[in-house]
Amino acid sequence: MSDDAGRLAVVEAHRELVSRIEESAARIRALSVATVVVAGLLAASYAFQLALPLTGLKSVTVSLASPVDEGAEVVVLVLALVWLYVGAANLLFLRRVGSRIAEAKQKEREIEKEISP
């Protein structure tokens, strides 16, 4: 009987751990989606800014063809793309975590069936 009580305690501790992981995963997922959206918008914006000089368009106050400005735009574009990569990597990680949580819950149900009279 004490073996069953120990197994039940392990199952309960596992349930609590899984619920905390799921809560954290939901928060991370929301932040990752926001990160992907913002980084995508930034990357598109900076890519558009880099393409403007190719159309012959110049600004009155800033020369879009200035090497310093172009270099700064490239650096910011690279940072935005890195940000986009991190957000996408987080989403993929959370997808894997979600599938593993589902597997763990299935095993938990199987253990409960074995323990239950």
Protein backbone atom coordinates (compact mmCIF):
# COMPACT_ATOMS: atom_id res chain seq x y z
CA MET A 1 0.00 0.00 0.00
CA SER A 2 2.85 2.42 0.78
CA ASP A 3 4.28 1.78 -2.69
CA ASP A 4 0.98 2.96 -4.21
CA ALA A 5 1.00 6.03 -1.95
CA GLY A 6 4.51 6.85 -3.09
CA ARG A 7 3.53 6.45 -6.72
CA LEU A 8 0.50 8.69 -6.17
CA ALA A 9 2.72 11.33 -4.58
CA VAL A 10 5.04 11.17 -7.59
CA VAL A 11 2.08 11.50 -9.96
CA GLU A 12 0.77 14.53 -8.04
CA ALA A 13 4.20 16.17 -8.03
CA HIS A 14 4.48 15.46 -11.74
CA ARG A 15 1.06 17.04 -12.34
CA GLU A 16 2.10 20.20 -10.52
CA LEU A 17 5.34 20.38 -12.49
CA VAL A 18 3.52 19.89 -15.79
CA SER A 19 0.97 22.60 -14.93
CA ARG A 20 3.74 25.07 -14.12
CA ILE A 21 5.53 24.21 -17.36
CA GLU A 22 2.30 24.71 -19.32
CA GLU A 23 1.70 28.10 -17.70
CA SER A 24 5.24 29.21 -18.48
CA ALA A 25 5.01 27.87 -22.01
CA ALA A 26 1.83 29.88 -22.60
CA ARG A 27 3.58 33.08 -21.49
CA ILE A 28 6.65 32.35 -23.57
CA ARG A 29 4.45 31.51 -26.57
CA ALA A 30 2.67 34.88 -26.32
CA LEU A 31 5.98 36.72 -26.03
CA SER A 32 7.44 34.75 -28.93
CA VAL A 33 4.49 35.54 -31.18
CA ALA A 34 4.82 39.23 -30.31
CA THR A 35 8.56 39.03 -30.96
CA VAL A 36 8.07 37.40 -34.35
CA VAL A 37 5.48 39.99 -35.38
CA VAL A 38 7.56 42.98 -34.26
CA ALA A 39 10.81 41.59 -35.68
CA GLY A 40 9.08 40.81 -38.96
CA LEU A 41 7.75 44.35 -39.20
CA LEU A 42 11.15 45.80 -38.33
CA ALA A 43 12.94 43.59 -40.84
CA ALA A 44 10.46 44.54 -43.59
CA SER A 45 10.78 48.22 -42.68
CA TYR A 46 14.57 48.20 -42.77
CA ALA A 47 14.68 46.15 -45.96
CA PHE A 48 12.34 48.72 -47.52
CA GLN A 49 14.59 51.55 -46.31
CA LEU A 50 17.61 49.84 -47.85
CA ALA A 51 15.76 49.49 -51.17
CA LEU A 52 14.67 53.15 -51.35
CA PRO A 53 17.96 54.45 -52.79
CA LEU A 54 17.64 51.95 -55.62
CA THR A 55 14.47 53.74 -56.76
CA GLY A 56 16.34 57.04 -57.05
CA LEU A 57 14.46 58.54 -54.09
CA LYS A 58 16.47 60.88 -51.88
CA SER A 59 15.45 62.65 -48.72
CA VAL A 60 15.89 66.38 -48.29
CA THR A 61 17.52 66.07 -44.87
CA VAL A 62 19.20 62.66 -45.14
CA SER A 63 20.99 61.11 -48.06
CA LEU A 64 19.68 57.57 -48.29
CA ALA A 65 22.76 56.59 -50.29
CA SER A 66 25.17 57.66 -47.53
CA PRO A 67 27.50 54.78 -46.67
CA VAL A 68 27.17 55.51 -42.95
CA ASP A 69 23.37 55.44 -43.14
CA GLU A 70 23.41 52.31 -45.28
CA GLY A 71 25.76 50.63 -42.83
CA ALA A 72 23.56 51.56 -39.89
CA GLU A 73 20.50 50.22 -41.70
CA VAL A 74 22.29 46.95 -42.46
CA VAL A 75 23.31 46.56 -38.80
CA VAL A 76 19.76 47.22 -37.61
CA LEU A 77 18.38 44.84 -40.25
CA VAL A 78 20.74 42.09 -39.08
CA LEU A 79 19.69 42.67 -35.47
CA ALA A 80 16.01 42.53 -36.46
CA LEU A 81 16.61 39.27 -38.35
CA VAL A 82 18.41 37.80 -35.34
CA TRP A 83 15.47 38.87 -33.19
CA LEU A 84 13.12 37.19 -35.67
CA TYR A 85 15.21 34.01 -35.55
CA VAL A 86 15.13 33.93 -31.73
CA GLY A 87 11.35 34.37 -31.69
CA ALA A 88 10.85 31.62 -34.26
CA ALA A 89 13.25 29.31 -32.40
CA ASN A 90 11.28 29.89 -29.19
CA LEU A 91 8.04 29.00 -30.95
CA LEU A 92 9.53 25.79 -32.33
CA PHE A 93 10.91 24.91 -28.90
CA LEU A 94 7.51 25.47 -27.33
CA ARG A 95 5.90 23.24 -29.94
CA ARG A 96 8.30 20.43 -28.97
CA VAL A 97 7.67 21.07 -25.27
CA GLY A 98 3.92 20.91 -25.89
CA SER A 99 4.17 17.53 -27.58
CA ARG A 100 6.36 16.18 -24.78
CA ILE A 101 3.88 17.44 -22.18
CA ALA A 102 1.11 15.61 -24.02
CA GLU A 103 3.22 12.43 -23.96
CA ALA A 104 3.91 12.88 -20.25
CA LYS A 105 0.19 13.34 -19.53
CA GLN A 106 -0.59 10.15 -21.44
CA LYS A 107 1.99 8.22 -19.41
CA GLU A 108 0.56 9.79 -16.26
CA ARG A 109 -2.91 8.48 -17.18
CA GLU A 110 -1.45 5.03 -17.79
CA ILE A 111 0.22 5.04 -14.36
CA GLU A 112 -3.02 6.17 -12.73
CA LYS A 113 -4.87 3.29 -14.41
CA GLU A 114 -2.28 0.85 -13.06
CA ILE A 115 -2.57 2.26 -9.55
CA SER A 116 -6.34 2.65 -9.45
CA PRO A 117 -8.25 -0.32 -8.03
